PDB file of N, CA and C in Angstrom:
ATOM      1  N   MET A   1       0.866  -1.168   0.000  1.00  0.00           N
ATOM      2  CA  MET A   1       0.000   0.000   0.000  1.00  0.00           C
ATOM      3  C   MET A   1       0.907   1.224   0.000  1.00  0.00           C
ATOM      4  N   GLY A   2       0.646   2.163  -0.850  1.00  0.00           N
ATOM      5  CA  GLY A   2       1.475   3.356  -0.903  1.00  0.00           C
ATOM      6  C   GLY A   2       0.621   4.589  -1.015  1.00  0.00           C
ATOM      7  N   GLY A   3       1.253   5.707  -1.124  1.00  0.00           N
ATOM      8  CA  GLY A   3       0.521   6.956  -1.312  1.00  0.00           C
ATOM      9  C   GLY A   3       0.069   7.596  -0.015  1.00  0.00           C
ATOM     10  N   ALA A   4      -0.905   7.020   0.631  1.00  0.00           N
ATOM     11  CA  ALA A   4      -1.454   7.602   1.858  1.00  0.00           C
ATOM     12  C   ALA A   4      -0.372   7.684   2.933  1.00  0.00           C
ATOM     13  N   GLN A   5      -0.276   8.842   3.562  1.00  0.00           N
ATOM     14  CA  GLN A   5       0.692   9.046   4.637  1.00  0.00           C
ATOM     15  C   GLN A   5       0.147   8.566   5.969  1.00  0.00           C
ATOM     16  N   LEU A   6      -1.173   8.522   6.065  1.00  0.00           N
ATOM     17  CA  LEU A   6      -1.834   8.117   7.301  1.00  0.00           C
ATOM     18  C   LEU A   6      -3.023   7.255   6.947  1.00  0.00           C
ATOM     19  N   VAL A   7      -3.181   6.145   7.667  1.00  0.00           N
ATOM     20  CA  VAL A   7      -4.317   5.256   7.465  1.00  0.00           C
ATOM     21  C   VAL A   7      -5.021   5.098   8.798  1.00  0.00           C
ATOM     22  N   LEU A   8      -6.336   5.294   8.775  1.00  0.00           N
ATOM     23  CA  LEU A   8      -7.139   5.151   9.984  1.00  0.00           C
ATOM     24  C   LEU A   8      -8.166   4.050   9.787  1.00  0.00           C
ATOM     25  N   ILE A   9      -8.390   3.266  10.821  1.00  0.00           N
ATOM     26  CA  ILE A   9      -9.423   2.240  10.790  1.00  0.00           C
ATOM     27  C   ILE A   9     -10.535   2.701  11.726  1.00  0.00           C
ATOM     28  N   ALA A  10     -11.722   2.861  11.171  1.00  0.00           N
ATOM     29  CA  ALA A  10     -12.876   3.314  11.951  1.00  0.00           C
ATOM     30  C   ALA A  10     -13.859   2.163  12.115  1.00  0.00           C
ATOM     31  N   ASP A  11     -14.661   2.224  13.162  1.00  0.00           N
ATOM     32  CA  ASP A  11     -15.605   1.136  13.402  1.00  0.00           C
ATOM     33  C   ASP A  11     -17.004   1.411  12.863  1.00  0.00           C
ATOM     34  N   ASP A  12     -17.243   2.599  12.354  1.00  0.00           N
ATOM     35  CA  ASP A  12     -18.527   2.871  11.711  1.00  0.00           C
ATOM     36  C   ASP A  12     -18.381   4.025  10.721  1.00  0.00           C
ATOM     37  N   PHE A  13     -19.383   4.164   9.850  1.00  0.00           N
ATOM     38  CA  PHE A  13     -19.343   5.145   8.774  1.00  0.00           C
ATOM     39  C   PHE A  13     -19.321   6.577   9.305  1.00  0.00           C
ATOM     40  N   THR A  14     -20.108   6.837  10.337  1.00  0.00           N
ATOM     41  CA  THR A  14     -20.150   8.181  10.920  1.00  0.00           C
ATOM     42  C   THR A  14     -18.786   8.566  11.474  1.00  0.00           C
ATOM     43  N   GLY A  15     -18.184   7.672  12.225  1.00  0.00           N
ATOM     44  CA  GLY A  15     -16.862   7.942  12.786  1.00  0.00           C
ATOM     45  C   GLY A  15     -15.802   8.104  11.714  1.00  0.00           C
ATOM     46  N   ALA A  16     -15.900   7.293  10.664  1.00  0.00           N
ATOM     47  CA  ALA A  16     -14.945   7.386   9.557  1.00  0.00           C
ATOM     48  C   ALA A  16     -15.029   8.754   8.895  1.00  0.00           C
ATOM     49  N   ASN A  17     -16.238   9.186   8.609  1.00  0.00           N
ATOM     50  CA  ASN A  17     -16.412  10.490   7.962  1.00  0.00           C
ATOM     51  C   ASN A  17     -16.063  11.642   8.887  1.00  0.00           C
ATOM     52  N   ASP A  18     -16.463  11.547  10.142  1.00  0.00           N
ATOM     53  CA  ASP A  18     -16.178  12.613  11.101  1.00  0.00           C
ATOM     54  C   ASP A  18     -14.670  12.789  11.270  1.00  0.00           C
ATOM     55  N   THR A  19     -13.955  11.701  11.328  1.00  0.00           N
ATOM     56  CA  THR A  19     -12.501  11.766  11.457  1.00  0.00           C
ATOM     57  C   THR A  19     -11.864  12.257  10.164  1.00  0.00           C
ATOM     58  N   GLY A  20     -12.307  11.707   9.048  1.00  0.00           N
ATOM     59  CA  GLY A  20     -11.741  12.087   7.757  1.00  0.00           C
ATOM     60  C   GLY A  20     -11.902  13.557   7.433  1.00  0.00           C
ATOM     61  N   VAL A  21     -13.061  14.120   7.767  1.00  0.00           N
ATOM     62  CA  VAL A  21     -13.309  15.526   7.434  1.00  0.00           C
ATOM     63  C   VAL A  21     -12.355  16.457   8.181  1.00  0.00           C
ATOM     64  N   GLN A  22     -11.893  16.050   9.343  1.00  0.00           N
ATOM     65  CA  GLN A  22     -10.963  16.884  10.109  1.00  0.00           C
ATOM     66  C   GLN A  22      -9.643  17.054   9.345  1.00  0.00           C
ATOM     67  N   PHE A  23      -9.189  16.001   8.699  1.00  0.00           N
ATOM     68  CA  PHE A  23      -7.968  16.084   7.896  1.00  0.00           C
ATOM     69  C   PHE A  23      -8.220  16.869   6.618  1.00  0.00           C
ATOM     70  N   SER A  24      -9.379  16.647   6.025  1.00  0.00           N
ATOM     71  CA  SER A  24      -9.741  17.354   4.799  1.00  0.00           C
ATOM     72  C   SER A  24      -9.808  18.863   5.031  1.00  0.00           C
ATOM     73  N   LYS A  25     -10.330  19.269   6.166  1.00  0.00           N
ATOM     74  CA  LYS A  25     -10.412  20.699   6.499  1.00  0.00           C
ATOM     75  C   LYS A  25      -9.032  21.342   6.542  1.00  0.00           C
ATOM     76  N   ARG A  26      -8.020  20.544   6.801  1.00  0.00           N
ATOM     77  CA  ARG A  26      -6.653  21.062   6.898  1.00  0.00           C
ATOM     78  C   ARG A  26      -5.884  20.895   5.581  1.00  0.00           C
ATOM     79  N   GLY A  27      -6.634  20.610   4.529  1.00  0.00           N
ATOM     80  CA  GLY A  27      -6.037  20.574   3.201  1.00  0.00           C
ATOM     81  C   GLY A  27      -5.462  19.242   2.758  1.00  0.00           C
ATOM     82  N   LEU A  28      -5.624  18.200   3.551  1.00  0.00           N
ATOM     83  CA  LEU A  28      -5.115  16.889   3.159  1.00  0.00           C
ATOM     84  C   LEU A  28      -6.150  16.163   2.305  1.00  0.00           C
ATOM     85  N   ARG A  29      -5.697  15.569   1.231  1.00  0.00           N
ATOM     86  CA  ARG A  29      -6.605  14.779   0.388  1.00  0.00           C
ATOM     87  C   ARG A  29      -6.988  13.535   1.171  1.00  0.00           C
ATOM     88  N   THR A  30      -8.279  13.409   1.477  1.00  0.00           N
ATOM     89  CA  THR A  30      -8.768  12.350   2.351  1.00  0.00           C
ATOM     90  C   THR A  30      -9.824  11.522   1.631  1.00  0.00           C
ATOM     91  N   VAL A  31      -9.697  10.201   1.742  1.00  0.00           N
ATOM     92  CA  VAL A  31     -10.655   9.289   1.134  1.00  0.00           C
ATOM     93  C   VAL A  31     -11.153   8.326   2.208  1.00  0.00           C
ATOM     94  N   VAL A  32     -12.478   8.112   2.226  1.00  0.00           N
ATOM     95  CA  VAL A  32     -13.097   7.126   3.112  1.00  0.00           C
ATOM     96  C   VAL A  32     -13.568   5.968   2.252  1.00  0.00           C
ATOM     97  N   VAL A  33     -13.177   4.751   2.615  1.00  0.00           N
ATOM     98  CA  VAL A  33     -13.632   3.560   1.894  1.00  0.00           C
ATOM     99  C   VAL A  33     -14.421   2.659   2.832  1.00  0.00           C
ATOM    100  N   THR A  34     -15.371   1.942   2.251  1.00  0.00           N
ATOM    101  CA  THR A  34     -16.208   1.029   3.029  1.00  0.00           C
ATOM    102  C   THR A  34     -15.970  -0.426   2.639  1.00  0.00           C
ATOM    103  N   ASP A  35     -15.083  -0.644   1.695  1.00  0.00           N
ATOM    104  CA  ASP A  35     -14.801  -1.985   1.198  1.00  0.00           C
ATOM    105  C   ASP A  35     -13.291  -2.135   1.075  1.00  0.00           C
ATOM    106  N   SER A  36     -12.749  -3.165   1.696  1.00  0.00           N
ATOM    107  CA  SER A  36     -11.292  -3.339   1.678  1.00  0.00           C
ATOM    108  C   SER A  36     -10.751  -3.522   0.256  1.00  0.00           C
ATOM    109  N   ALA A  37     -11.593  -3.942  -0.681  1.00  0.00           N
ATOM    110  CA  ALA A  37     -11.151  -4.081  -2.070  1.00  0.00           C
ATOM    111  C   ALA A  37     -10.807  -2.729  -2.693  1.00  0.00           C
ATOM    112  N   GLN A  38     -11.303  -1.647  -2.123  1.00  0.00           N
ATOM    113  CA  GLN A  38     -11.048  -0.299  -2.628  1.00  0.00           C
ATOM    114  C   GLN A  38      -9.761   0.311  -2.072  1.00  0.00           C
ATOM    115  N   MET A  39      -9.187  -0.312  -1.067  1.00  0.00           N
ATOM    116  CA  MET A  39      -8.086   0.302  -0.331  1.00  0.00           C
ATOM    117  C   MET A  39      -6.855   0.600  -1.181  1.00  0.00           C
ATOM    118  N   ALA A  40      -6.409  -0.343  -1.969  1.00  0.00           N
ATOM    119  CA  ALA A  40      -5.162  -0.162  -2.723  1.00  0.00           C
ATOM    120  C   ALA A  40      -5.264   1.012  -3.695  1.00  0.00           C
ATOM    121  N   ARG A  41      -6.330   1.038  -4.471  1.00  0.00           N
ATOM    122  CA  ARG A  41      -6.501   2.134  -5.433  1.00  0.00           C
ATOM    123  C   ARG A  41      -6.680   3.458  -4.715  1.00  0.00           C
ATOM    124  N   ALA A  42      -7.537   3.479  -3.701  1.00  0.00           N
ATOM    125  CA  ALA A  42      -7.825   4.724  -2.980  1.00  0.00           C
ATOM    126  C   ALA A  42      -6.587   5.279  -2.292  1.00  0.00           C
ATOM    127  N   SER A  43      -5.726   4.407  -1.769  1.00  0.00           N
ATOM    128  CA  SER A  43      -4.541   4.888  -1.051  1.00  0.00           C
ATOM    129  C   SER A  43      -3.576   5.622  -1.972  1.00  0.00           C
ATOM    130  N   GLN A  44      -3.640   5.336  -3.264  1.00  0.00           N
ATOM    131  CA  GLN A  44      -2.775   6.017  -4.233  1.00  0.00           C
ATOM    132  C   GLN A  44      -3.252   7.432  -4.531  1.00  0.00           C
ATOM    133  N   GLU A  45      -4.502   7.733  -4.177  1.00  0.00           N
ATOM    134  CA  GLU A  45      -5.121   9.002  -4.545  1.00  0.00           C
ATOM    135  C   GLU A  45      -5.288   9.965  -3.374  1.00  0.00           C
ATOM    136  N   CYS A  46      -4.666   9.667  -2.243  1.00  0.00           N
ATOM    137  CA  CYS A  46      -4.931  10.513  -1.076  1.00  0.00           C
ATOM    138  C   CYS A  46      -3.720  10.614  -0.155  1.00  0.00           C
ATOM    139  N   ASP A  47      -3.829  11.550   0.772  1.00  0.00           N
ATOM    140  CA  ASP A  47      -2.843  11.693   1.847  1.00  0.00           C
ATOM    141  C   ASP A  47      -3.281  10.889   3.070  1.00  0.00           C
ATOM    142  N   VAL A  48      -4.604  10.863   3.296  1.00  0.00           N
ATOM    143  CA  VAL A  48      -5.181  10.173   4.447  1.00  0.00           C
ATOM    144  C   VAL A  48      -6.246   9.205   3.941  1.00  0.00           C
ATOM    145  N   LEU A  49      -6.122   7.941   4.320  1.00  0.00           N
ATOM    146  CA  LEU A  49      -7.099   6.923   3.965  1.00  0.00           C
ATOM    147  C   LEU A  49      -7.821   6.493   5.231  1.00  0.00           C
ATOM    148  N   VAL A  50      -9.148   6.556   5.210  1.00  0.00           N
ATOM    149  CA  VAL A  50      -9.956   6.135   6.349  1.00  0.00           C
ATOM    150  C   VAL A  50     -10.768   4.926   5.911  1.00  0.00           C
ATOM    151  N   ILE A  51     -10.656   3.847   6.666  1.00  0.00           N
ATOM    152  CA  ILE A  51     -11.339   2.609   6.323  1.00  0.00           C
ATOM    153  C   ILE A  51     -12.446   2.343   7.338  1.00  0.00           C
ATOM    154  N   ASP A  52     -13.664   2.273   6.849  1.00  0.00           N
ATOM    155  CA  ASP A  52     -14.816   1.958   7.697  1.00  0.00           C
ATOM    156  C   ASP A  52     -14.988   0.441   7.721  1.00  0.00           C
ATOM    157  N   THR A  53     -14.856  -0.160   8.887  1.00  0.00           N
ATOM    158  CA  THR A  53     -14.987  -1.613   9.015  1.00  0.00           C
ATOM    159  C   THR A  53     -16.390  -2.058   9.430  1.00  0.00           C
ATOM    160  N   GLU A  54     -17.239  -1.105   9.819  1.00  0.00           N
ATOM    161  CA  GLU A  54     -18.592  -1.443  10.283  1.00  0.00           C
ATOM    162  C   GLU A  54     -18.558  -2.525  11.364  1.00  0.00           C
ATOM    163  N   THR A  55     -17.701  -2.327  12.363  1.00  0.00           N
ATOM    164  CA  THR A  55     -17.550  -3.318  13.429  1.00  0.00           C
ATOM    165  C   THR A  55     -18.102  -2.859  14.773  1.00  0.00           C
ATOM    166  N   ARG A  56     -18.652  -1.673  14.834  1.00  0.00           N
ATOM    167  CA  ARG A  56     -19.098  -1.147  16.125  1.00  0.00           C
ATOM    168  C   ARG A  56     -20.077  -2.082  16.833  1.00  0.00           C
ATOM    169  N   LEU A  57     -21.023  -2.631  16.111  1.00  0.00           N
ATOM    170  CA  LEU A  57     -22.040  -3.475  16.732  1.00  0.00           C
ATOM    171  C   LEU A  57     -21.730  -4.968  16.621  1.00  0.00           C
ATOM    172  N   ALA A  58     -20.577  -5.272  16.054  1.00  0.00           N
ATOM    173  CA  ALA A  58     -20.188  -6.674  15.891  1.00  0.00           C
ATOM    174  C   ALA A  58     -19.740  -7.263  17.226  1.00  0.00           C
ATOM    175  N   LYS A  59     -19.851  -8.569  17.343  1.00  0.00           N
ATOM    176  CA  LYS A  59     -19.310  -9.247  18.522  1.00  0.00           C
ATOM    177  C   LYS A  59     -17.799  -9.068  18.515  1.00  0.00           C
ATOM    178  N   ALA A  60     -17.213  -9.082  19.685  1.00  0.00           N
ATOM    179  CA  ALA A  60     -15.786  -8.782  19.831  1.00  0.00           C
ATOM    180  C   ALA A  60     -14.917  -9.641  18.929  1.00  0.00           C
ATOM    181  N   ASP A  61     -15.176 -10.944  18.858  1.00  0.00           N
ATOM    182  CA  ASP A  61     -14.326 -11.810  18.039  1.00  0.00           C
ATOM    183  C   ASP A  61     -14.475 -11.511  16.551  1.00  0.00           C
ATOM    184  N   ALA A  62     -15.680 -11.185  16.106  1.00  0.00           N
ATOM    185  CA  ALA A  62     -15.895 -10.834  14.698  1.00  0.00           C
ATOM    186  C   ALA A  62     -15.229  -9.498  14.366  1.00  0.00           C
ATOM    187  N   ALA A  63     -15.333  -8.531  15.276  1.00  0.00           N
ATOM    188  CA  ALA A  63     -14.692  -7.226  15.068  1.00  0.00           C
ATOM    189  C   ALA A  63     -13.176  -7.394  14.993  1.00  0.00           C
ATOM    190  N   TYR A  64     -12.648  -8.188  15.890  1.00  0.00           N
ATOM    191  CA  TYR A  64     -11.209  -8.450  15.897  1.00  0.00           C
ATOM    192  C   TYR A  64     -10.750  -9.029  14.564  1.00  0.00           C
ATOM    193  N   GLU A  65     -11.455 -10.032  14.079  1.00  0.00           N
ATOM    194  CA  GLU A  65     -11.083 -10.681  12.821  1.00  0.00           C
ATOM    195  C   GLU A  65     -11.130  -9.702  11.647  1.00  0.00           C
ATOM    196  N   LYS A  66     -12.167  -8.877  11.598  1.00  0.00           N
ATOM    197  CA  LYS A  66     -12.304  -7.918  10.495  1.00  0.00           C
ATOM    198  C   LYS A  66     -11.155  -6.908  10.519  1.00  0.00           C
ATOM    199  N   VAL A  67     -10.867  -6.357  11.696  1.00  0.00           N
ATOM    200  CA  VAL A  67      -9.782  -5.382  11.820  1.00  0.00           C
ATOM    201  C   VAL A  67      -8.433  -6.041  11.548  1.00  0.00           C
ATOM    202  N   LEU A  68      -8.267  -7.265  11.984  1.00  0.00           N
ATOM    203  CA  LEU A  68      -7.029  -7.996  11.712  1.00  0.00           C
ATOM    204  C   LEU A  68      -6.820  -8.165  10.208  1.00  0.00           C
ATOM    205  N   GLN A  69      -7.864  -8.548   9.487  1.00  0.00           N
ATOM    206  CA  GLN A  69      -7.753  -8.729   8.046  1.00  0.00           C
ATOM    207  C   GLN A  69      -7.405  -7.413   7.346  1.00  0.00           C
ATOM    208  N   VAL A  70      -8.058  -6.335   7.740  1.00  0.00           N
ATOM    209  CA  VAL A  70      -7.759  -5.017   7.156  1.00  0.00           C
ATOM    210  C   VAL A  70      -6.320  -4.629   7.481  1.00  0.00           C
ATOM    211  N   SER A  71      -5.897  -4.853   8.704  1.00  0.00           N
ATOM    212  CA  SER A  71      -4.539  -4.509   9.127  1.00  0.00           C
ATOM    213  C   SER A  71      -3.492  -5.258   8.302  1.00  0.00           C
ATOM    214  N   LYS A  72      -3.761  -6.503   8.003  1.00  0.00           N
ATOM    215  CA  LYS A  72      -2.817  -7.286   7.196  1.00  0.00           C
ATOM    216  C   LYS A  72      -2.654  -6.689   5.804  1.00  0.00           C
ATOM    217  N   LEU A  73      -3.735  -6.137   5.272  1.00  0.00           N
ATOM    218  CA  LEU A  73      -3.669  -5.505   3.955  1.00  0.00           C
ATOM    219  C   LEU A  73      -2.885  -4.192   3.985  1.00  0.00           C
ATOM    220  N   LEU A  74      -2.716  -3.642   5.181  1.00  0.00           N
ATOM    221  CA  LEU A  74      -2.079  -2.331   5.326  1.00  0.00           C
ATOM    222  C   LEU A  74      -0.602  -2.399   5.657  1.00  0.00           C
ATOM    223  N   ARG A  75      -0.036  -3.547   5.700  1.00  0.00           N
ATOM    224  CA  ARG A  75       1.389  -3.663   6.055  1.00  0.00           C
ATOM    225  C   ARG A  75       2.217  -2.747   5.178  1.00  0.00           C
ATOM    226  N   GLY A  76       3.111  -2.006   5.816  1.00  0.00           N
ATOM    227  CA  GLY A  76       3.970  -1.081   5.089  1.00  0.00           C
ATOM    228  C   GLY A  76       3.439   0.337   5.059  1.00  0.00           C
ATOM    229  N   SER A  77       2.252   0.554   5.606  1.00  0.00           N
ATOM    230  CA  SER A  77       1.713   1.915   5.653  1.00  0.00           C
ATOM    231  C   SER A  77       2.552   2.750   6.603  1.00  0.00           C
ATOM    232  N   THR A  78       2.630   4.042   6.332  1.00  0.00           N
ATOM    233  CA  THR A  78       3.440   4.938   7.145  1.00  0.00           C
ATOM    234  C   THR A  78       2.956   4.996   8.581  1.00  0.00           C
ATOM    235  N   ALA A  79       1.668   5.177   8.763  1.00  0.00           N
ATOM    236  CA  ALA A  79       1.113   5.258  10.112  1.00  0.00           C
ATOM    237  C   ALA A  79      -0.275   4.649  10.098  1.00  0.00           C
ATOM    238  N   LEU A  80      -0.624   3.993  11.167  1.00  0.00           N
ATOM    239  CA  LEU A  80      -1.913   3.334  11.283  1.00  0.00           C
ATOM    240  C   LEU A  80      -2.544   3.715  12.613  1.00  0.00           C
ATOM    241  N   VAL A  81      -3.786   4.146  12.567  1.00  0.00           N
ATOM    242  CA  VAL A  81      -4.500   4.550  13.774  1.00  0.00           C
ATOM    243  C   VAL A  81      -5.818   3.804  13.824  1.00  0.00           C
ATOM    244  N   TRP A  82      -6.149   3.238  14.974  1.00  0.00           N
ATOM    245  CA  TRP A  82      -7.443   2.568  15.163  1.00  0.00           C
ATOM    246  C   TRP A  82      -8.372   3.540  15.854  1.00  0.00           C
ATOM    247  N   ASN A  83      -9.449   3.904  15.179  1.00  0.00           N
ATOM    248  CA  ASN A  83     -10.461   4.815  15.733  1.00  0.00           C
ATOM    249  C   ASN A  83     -11.707   3.984  15.945  1.00  0.00           C
ATOM    250  N   GLY A  84     -11.751   3.282  17.051  1.00  0.00           N
ATOM    251  CA  GLY A  84     -12.880   2.378  17.237  1.00  0.00           C
ATOM    252  C   GLY A  84     -13.389   2.348  18.662  1.00  0.00           C
ATOM    253  N   CYS A  85     -14.384   1.564  18.815  1.00  0.00           N
ATOM    254  CA  CYS A  85     -15.020   1.410  20.116  1.00  0.00           C
ATOM    255  C   CYS A  85     -14.233   0.357  20.895  1.00  0.00           C
ATOM    256  N   THR A  86     -13.083   0.737  21.411  1.00  0.00           N
ATOM    257  CA  THR A  86     -12.181  -0.228  22.029  1.00  0.00           C
ATOM    258  C   THR A  86     -12.719  -0.799  23.334  1.00  0.00           C
ATOM    259  N   ARG A  87     -13.629  -0.135  23.997  1.00  0.00           N
ATOM    260  CA  ARG A  87     -14.198  -0.690  25.232  1.00  0.00           C
ATOM    261  C   ARG A  87     -14.940  -1.996  24.951  1.00  0.00           C
ATOM    262  N   ARG A  88     -15.628  -2.063  23.826  1.00  0.00           N
ATOM    263  CA  ARG A  88     -16.351  -3.283  23.462  1.00  0.00           C
ATOM    264  C   ARG A  88     -15.379  -4.445  23.258  1.00  0.00           C
ATOM    265  N   LEU A  89     -14.172  -4.134  22.845  1.00  0.00           N
ATOM    266  CA  LEU A  89     -13.192  -5.186  22.604  1.00  0.00           C
ATOM    267  C   LEU A  89     -12.367  -5.489  23.844  1.00  0.00           C
ATOM    268  N   GLY A  90     -12.617  -4.776  24.942  1.00  0.00           N
ATOM    269  CA  GLY A  90     -11.906  -5.013  26.181  1.00  0.00           C
ATOM    270  C   GLY A  90     -10.500  -4.446  26.205  1.00  0.00           C
ATOM    271  N   VAL A  91     -10.211  -3.498  25.336  1.00  0.00           N
ATOM    272  CA  VAL A  91      -8.865  -2.921  25.274  1.00  0.00           C
ATOM    273  C   VAL A  91      -8.683  -1.863  26.345  1.00  0.00           C
ATOM    274  N   CYS A  92      -9.735  -1.139  26.678  1.00  0.00           N
ATOM    275  CA  CYS A  92      -9.611  -0.118  27.717  1.00  0.00           C
ATOM    276  C   CYS A  92     -10.801  -0.162  28.653  1.00  0.00           C
TER     277      CYS A  92
END
């Protein structure tokens, strides 16, 4: 994966857009994707890539698996940030 300087993983569409717009307001080309198949192409066209995993209401094990799969596709990205409901996953 190249191009994008920052990649964020969001747990829902609202959070993905709310986070993405903050970067866009500061002049960074920002793209939000809802399908991991779009990630490679989209990352070439932006500074910030936000990936909506739709895991907020998922069971913890299903959310973990989805985020893990997306993370594997992102190996080599400059920076990766998880913007999710971590309490549901028992992280905090």
